[in-house]
Every structure is written in structure tokens, then in C-alpha cells.
Amino acid sequence: MKATDEFRRYQRKYIIEREPSPEELKTHVHDLRLMIRLALMMQREVSDPDFGAKGLLPEVEGRLHQLQHVLDMLECPMTDAEADAILAAVFPDAPATGRSA
């Protein structure tokens, strides 16, 4: 779990909170897919009836969900028009971002 936490901290700082280069993004998506495969292996292991620490399963599944969510976000980013539509629905009195025009 510690490796996943460190990966997610790096991801937030260098991928989510800034605009990565296409090469950085490509490398990160590759690494993210590797982390997802490792988390899937860990999920299978923790799900085994003979595994001694069943309490870890919800944590492993939560981390796996977080990793998969970011992969989805990076591979299928929301358009500015989609973002403006959501913002308008949630904050009807706020001005639009102006980016979707």
C-alpha cells in the first residue's frame, strides 16, 4: 500500500496539478497501468480464503478503484463544454469558464 500511496502523491504533483508533456503523460499512463496490474494481483491474493489478513481487501479494492479512475480520466478527458455544462448545473449563477467557446 505504501508504494501505491507514493505513486499517487507523485501522480498528483506531476500529472494532475500541472500540464505534463505528451511524453510524460505517455510514460505515466504506462506506469499507471503497471500499478493497476499489481493492485489486481494483490486483490486476488487478499481475496484468497487462505489469506490471513482479510481486513486488507477493502483498502486494496479502494486503491485499485482510485488508480482505475485516474486512468479513465487521463485516457478520456472531459471536454471544456462538458465541464461547463456540469458547472452550470451545479453553480447556475456563476459565470462560465469561457473555455468551451
N, C-alpha and C. Protein backbone atom coordinates (compact mmCIF):
# COMPACT_ATOMS: atom_id res chain seq x y z
N MET A 1 0.81 -1.17 0.00
CA MET A 1 0.00 0.00 0.00
C MET A 1 0.87 1.25 0.00
N LYS A 2 2.03 1.16 0.62
CA LYS A 2 2.92 2.32 0.68
C LYS A 2 3.36 2.73 -0.73
N ALA A 3 3.67 1.76 -1.58
CA ALA A 3 4.09 2.07 -2.95
C ALA A 3 2.97 2.76 -3.71
N THR A 4 1.73 2.32 -3.50
CA THR A 4 0.59 2.95 -4.16
C THR A 4 0.42 4.38 -3.68
N ASP A 5 0.57 4.61 -2.39
CA ASP A 5 0.46 5.97 -1.84
C ASP A 5 1.52 6.88 -2.43
N GLU A 6 2.75 6.39 -2.52
CA GLU A 6 3.84 7.20 -3.08
C GLU A 6 3.59 7.48 -4.56
N PHE A 7 3.11 6.49 -5.29
CA PHE A 7 2.79 6.68 -6.70
C PHE A 7 1.70 7.74 -6.86
N ARG A 8 0.68 7.68 -6.02
CA ARG A 8 -0.43 8.64 -6.11
C ARG A 8 0.02 10.05 -5.74
N ARG A 9 0.95 10.19 -4.78
CA ARG A 9 1.49 11.51 -4.44
C ARG A 9 2.25 12.09 -5.64
N TYR A 10 3.08 11.26 -6.25
CA TYR A 10 3.82 11.69 -7.44
C TYR A 10 2.84 12.09 -8.55
N GLN A 11 1.84 11.25 -8.75
CA GLN A 11 0.84 11.48 -9.79
C GLN A 11 0.14 12.83 -9.59
N ARG A 12 -0.26 13.11 -8.37
CA ARG A 12 -0.94 14.38 -8.09
C ARG A 12 -0.03 15.56 -8.38
N LYS A 13 1.21 15.49 -7.91
CA LYS A 13 2.14 16.61 -8.04
C LYS A 13 2.56 16.86 -9.48
N TYR A 14 2.86 15.80 -10.22
CA TYR A 14 3.46 15.97 -11.54
C TYR A 14 2.53 15.75 -12.72
N ILE A 15 1.37 15.13 -12.50
CA ILE A 15 0.46 14.85 -13.60
C ILE A 15 -0.85 15.61 -13.45
N ILE A 16 -1.47 15.55 -12.27
CA ILE A 16 -2.78 16.15 -12.06
C ILE A 16 -2.70 17.67 -11.87
N GLU A 17 -1.74 18.12 -11.05
CA GLU A 17 -1.69 19.54 -10.70
C GLU A 17 -0.93 20.40 -11.70
N ARG A 18 -0.41 19.82 -12.74
CA ARG A 18 0.26 20.62 -13.77
C ARG A 18 -0.04 20.02 -15.13
N GLU A 19 0.45 20.64 -16.16
CA GLU A 19 0.21 20.18 -17.53
C GLU A 19 1.44 19.37 -17.99
N PRO A 20 1.39 18.04 -17.92
CA PRO A 20 2.56 17.24 -18.31
C PRO A 20 2.75 17.27 -19.83
N SER A 21 3.97 17.03 -20.25
CA SER A 21 4.26 16.94 -21.69
C SER A 21 3.63 15.65 -22.22
N PRO A 22 3.42 15.55 -23.52
CA PRO A 22 2.88 14.30 -24.07
C PRO A 22 3.73 13.08 -23.71
N GLU A 23 5.04 13.24 -23.70
CA GLU A 23 5.92 12.11 -23.35
C GLU A 23 5.77 11.74 -21.87
N GLU A 24 5.69 12.74 -20.99
CA GLU A 24 5.48 12.46 -19.57
C GLU A 24 4.16 11.75 -19.35
N LEU A 25 3.13 12.20 -20.05
CA LEU A 25 1.81 11.59 -19.92
C LEU A 25 1.82 10.15 -20.42
N LYS A 26 2.48 9.91 -21.54
CA LYS A 26 2.58 8.55 -22.09
C LYS A 26 3.30 7.63 -21.10
N THR A 27 4.40 8.09 -20.54
CA THR A 27 5.16 7.30 -19.57
C THR A 27 4.32 7.05 -18.32
N HIS A 28 3.60 8.08 -17.87
CA HIS A 28 2.80 7.92 -16.67
C HIS A 28 1.66 6.92 -16.89
N VAL A 29 1.00 6.99 -18.03
CA VAL A 29 -0.09 6.04 -18.31
C VAL A 29 0.46 4.61 -18.32
N HIS A 30 1.63 4.42 -18.88
CA HIS A 30 2.27 3.10 -18.87
C HIS A 30 2.50 2.64 -17.42
N ASP A 31 3.06 3.53 -16.60
CA ASP A 31 3.33 3.19 -15.20
C ASP A 31 2.03 2.96 -14.43
N LEU A 32 1.02 3.75 -14.73
CA LEU A 32 -0.28 3.60 -14.07
C LEU A 32 -0.90 2.25 -14.39
N ARG A 33 -0.80 1.83 -15.64
CA ARG A 33 -1.31 0.50 -16.00
C ARG A 33 -0.56 -0.60 -15.24
N LEU A 34 0.73 -0.43 -15.07
CA LEU A 34 1.52 -1.40 -14.29
C LEU A 34 1.04 -1.43 -12.84
N MET A 35 0.81 -0.26 -12.24
CA MET A 35 0.32 -0.21 -10.86
C MET A 35 -1.04 -0.89 -10.75
N ILE A 36 -1.88 -0.72 -11.76
CA ILE A 36 -3.20 -1.36 -11.74
C ILE A 36 -3.05 -2.88 -11.80
N ARG A 37 -2.15 -3.36 -12.65
CA ARG A 37 -1.92 -4.82 -12.72
C ARG A 37 -1.42 -5.35 -11.39
N LEU A 38 -0.51 -4.62 -10.75
CA LEU A 38 -0.01 -5.05 -9.44
C LEU A 38 -1.12 -5.04 -8.39
N ALA A 39 -1.97 -4.02 -8.43
CA ALA A 39 -3.09 -3.95 -7.49
C ALA A 39 -4.08 -5.08 -7.73
N LEU A 40 -4.30 -5.44 -9.00
CA LEU A 40 -5.18 -6.57 -9.30
C LEU A 40 -4.60 -7.88 -8.76
N MET A 41 -3.29 -8.05 -8.88
CA MET A 41 -2.65 -9.25 -8.33
C MET A 41 -2.80 -9.28 -6.81
N MET A 42 -2.62 -8.12 -6.18
CA MET A 42 -2.76 -8.04 -4.73
C MET A 42 -4.21 -8.32 -4.33
N GLN A 43 -5.16 -7.81 -5.10
CA GLN A 43 -6.57 -8.06 -4.81
C GLN A 43 -6.88 -9.56 -4.85
N ARG A 44 -6.36 -10.25 -5.87
CA ARG A 44 -6.58 -11.70 -5.97
C ARG A 44 -5.98 -12.42 -4.77
N GLU A 45 -4.79 -12.01 -4.37
CA GLU A 45 -4.12 -12.66 -3.24
C GLU A 45 -4.90 -12.44 -1.94
N VAL A 46 -5.30 -11.20 -1.70
CA VAL A 46 -6.02 -10.87 -0.46
C VAL A 46 -7.40 -11.52 -0.45
N SER A 47 -7.99 -11.77 -1.62
CA SER A 47 -9.31 -12.39 -1.71
C SER A 47 -9.26 -13.90 -1.46
N ASP A 48 -8.08 -14.48 -1.50
CA ASP A 48 -7.93 -15.92 -1.29
C ASP A 48 -8.43 -16.29 0.11
N PRO A 49 -9.24 -17.32 0.21
CA PRO A 49 -9.76 -17.73 1.52
C PRO A 49 -8.66 -18.07 2.54
N ASP A 50 -7.50 -18.48 2.06
CA ASP A 50 -6.41 -18.84 2.96
C ASP A 50 -5.56 -17.64 3.38
N PHE A 51 -5.82 -16.46 2.81
CA PHE A 51 -5.04 -15.27 3.16
C PHE A 51 -5.41 -14.84 4.57
N GLY A 52 -4.42 -14.53 5.37
CA GLY A 52 -4.64 -14.28 6.79
C GLY A 52 -5.19 -12.91 7.16
N ALA A 53 -5.06 -11.92 6.30
CA ALA A 53 -5.48 -10.56 6.66
C ALA A 53 -6.61 -10.10 5.76
N LYS A 54 -7.78 -10.66 5.94
CA LYS A 54 -8.96 -10.32 5.13
C LYS A 54 -9.32 -8.85 5.23
N GLY A 55 -8.97 -8.21 6.34
CA GLY A 55 -9.30 -6.80 6.53
C GLY A 55 -8.64 -5.88 5.52
N LEU A 56 -7.63 -6.36 4.81
CA LEU A 56 -6.95 -5.54 3.81
C LEU A 56 -7.74 -5.42 2.50
N LEU A 57 -8.69 -6.31 2.27
CA LEU A 57 -9.40 -6.32 1.00
C LEU A 57 -10.08 -5.00 0.67
N PRO A 58 -10.83 -4.37 1.57
CA PRO A 58 -11.45 -3.09 1.21
C PRO A 58 -10.44 -2.01 0.85
N GLU A 59 -9.30 -1.99 1.54
CA GLU A 59 -8.27 -1.00 1.25
C GLU A 59 -7.66 -1.24 -0.13
N VAL A 60 -7.36 -2.49 -0.44
CA VAL A 60 -6.79 -2.82 -1.75
C VAL A 60 -7.79 -2.47 -2.85
N GLU A 61 -9.04 -2.82 -2.65
CA GLU A 61 -10.05 -2.52 -3.66
C GLU A 61 -10.26 -1.02 -3.82
N GLY A 62 -10.17 -0.28 -2.73
CA GLY A 62 -10.29 1.18 -2.82
C GLY A 62 -9.15 1.80 -3.61
N ARG A 63 -7.93 1.35 -3.34
CA ARG A 63 -6.77 1.85 -4.08
C ARG A 63 -6.87 1.49 -5.56
N LEU A 64 -7.31 0.28 -5.84
CA LEU A 64 -7.48 -0.15 -7.23
C LEU A 64 -8.50 0.74 -7.93
N HIS A 65 -9.59 1.03 -7.28
CA HIS A 65 -10.62 1.91 -7.85
C HIS A 65 -10.04 3.30 -8.14
N GLN A 66 -9.24 3.84 -7.21
CA GLN A 66 -8.64 5.15 -7.41
C GLN A 66 -7.71 5.15 -8.62
N LEU A 67 -6.88 4.13 -8.73
CA LEU A 67 -5.96 4.04 -9.87
C LEU A 67 -6.73 3.94 -11.19
N GLN A 68 -7.76 3.11 -11.22
CA GLN A 68 -8.55 2.95 -12.44
C GLN A 68 -9.28 4.24 -12.81
N HIS A 69 -9.75 4.96 -11.81
CA HIS A 69 -10.43 6.23 -12.07
C HIS A 69 -9.48 7.23 -12.74
N VAL A 70 -8.26 7.33 -12.27
CA VAL A 70 -7.30 8.25 -12.86
C VAL A 70 -6.96 7.82 -14.30
N LEU A 71 -6.81 6.52 -14.53
CA LEU A 71 -6.54 6.05 -15.88
C LEU A 71 -7.69 6.44 -16.81
N ASP A 72 -8.92 6.25 -16.37
CA ASP A 72 -10.07 6.67 -17.17
C ASP A 72 -10.03 8.16 -17.45
N MET A 73 -9.70 8.94 -16.43
CA MET A 73 -9.65 10.39 -16.57
C MET A 73 -8.57 10.82 -17.57
N LEU A 74 -7.43 10.15 -17.55
CA LEU A 74 -6.34 10.51 -18.45
C LEU A 74 -6.58 10.04 -19.88
N GLU A 75 -7.24 8.90 -20.03
CA GLU A 75 -7.47 8.38 -21.37
C GLU A 75 -8.70 8.98 -22.03
N CYS A 76 -9.66 9.43 -21.25
CA CYS A 76 -10.91 10.01 -21.78
C CYS A 76 -11.21 11.32 -21.05
N PRO A 77 -10.39 12.35 -21.26
CA PRO A 77 -10.60 13.59 -20.51
C PRO A 77 -11.91 14.27 -20.90
N MET A 78 -12.46 14.97 -19.94
CA MET A 78 -13.70 15.72 -20.14
C MET A 78 -13.40 16.93 -21.03
N THR A 79 -14.29 17.21 -21.95
CA THR A 79 -14.12 18.39 -22.80
C THR A 79 -14.49 19.64 -22.00
N ASP A 80 -14.06 20.79 -22.48
CA ASP A 80 -14.41 22.04 -21.82
C ASP A 80 -15.93 22.25 -21.83
N ALA A 81 -16.59 21.86 -22.91
CA ALA A 81 -18.05 22.00 -22.99
C ALA A 81 -18.74 21.13 -21.94
N GLU A 82 -18.24 19.90 -21.74
CA GLU A 82 -18.80 19.02 -20.71
C GLU A 82 -18.59 19.62 -19.32
N ALA A 83 -17.40 20.15 -19.09
CA ALA A 83 -17.11 20.77 -17.80
C ALA A 83 -18.01 21.97 -17.56
N ASP A 84 -18.20 22.82 -18.59
CA ASP A 84 -19.07 23.98 -18.45
C ASP A 84 -20.51 23.57 -18.16
N ALA A 85 -20.97 22.49 -18.79
CA ALA A 85 -22.34 22.02 -18.56
C ALA A 85 -22.52 21.57 -17.11
N ILE A 86 -21.55 20.86 -16.57
CA ILE A 86 -21.62 20.41 -15.18
C ILE A 86 -21.57 21.61 -14.23
N LEU A 87 -20.64 22.53 -14.49
CA LEU A 87 -20.53 23.71 -13.64
C LEU A 87 -21.81 24.55 -13.67
N ALA A 88 -22.42 24.67 -14.85
CA ALA A 88 -23.67 25.43 -14.97
C ALA A 88 -24.79 24.76 -14.19
N ALA A 89 -24.81 23.43 -14.20
CA ALA A 89 -25.86 22.71 -13.46
C ALA A 89 -25.67 22.83 -11.95
N VAL A 90 -24.44 22.81 -11.51
CA VAL A 90 -24.15 22.85 -10.08
C VAL A 90 -24.13 24.28 -9.54
N PHE A 91 -23.61 25.20 -10.35
CA PHE A 91 -23.49 26.61 -9.96
C PHE A 91 -24.18 27.48 -11.01
N PRO A 92 -25.51 27.50 -11.04
CA PRO A 92 -26.23 28.18 -12.12
C PRO A 92 -26.00 29.69 -12.16
N ASP A 93 -25.64 30.32 -11.06
CA ASP A 93 -25.46 31.77 -11.05
C ASP A 93 -24.02 32.20 -11.33
N ALA A 94 -23.10 31.26 -11.44
CA ALA A 94 -21.69 31.60 -11.68
C ALA A 94 -21.44 31.78 -13.16
N PRO A 95 -20.46 32.63 -13.52
CA PRO A 95 -20.13 32.79 -14.94
C PRO A 95 -19.45 31.53 -15.47
N ALA A 96 -19.64 31.29 -16.78
CA ALA A 96 -18.99 30.13 -17.41
C ALA A 96 -17.49 30.36 -17.47
N THR A 97 -16.76 29.27 -17.66
CA THR A 97 -15.30 29.39 -17.75
C THR A 97 -14.87 30.11 -19.01
N GLY A 98 -15.69 30.04 -20.05
CA GLY A 98 -15.34 30.69 -21.31
C GLY A 98 -14.38 29.88 -22.15
N ARG A 99 -14.01 28.72 -21.69
CA ARG A 99 -13.04 27.91 -22.41
C ARG A 99 -13.66 27.05 -23.49
N SER A 100 -14.96 26.83 -23.44
CA SER A 100 -15.60 25.92 -24.41
C SER A 100 -16.07 26.66 -25.66
N ALA A 101 -15.93 27.95 -25.70
CA ALA A 101 -16.38 28.72 -26.86
C ALA A 101 -15.47 28.59 -28.03
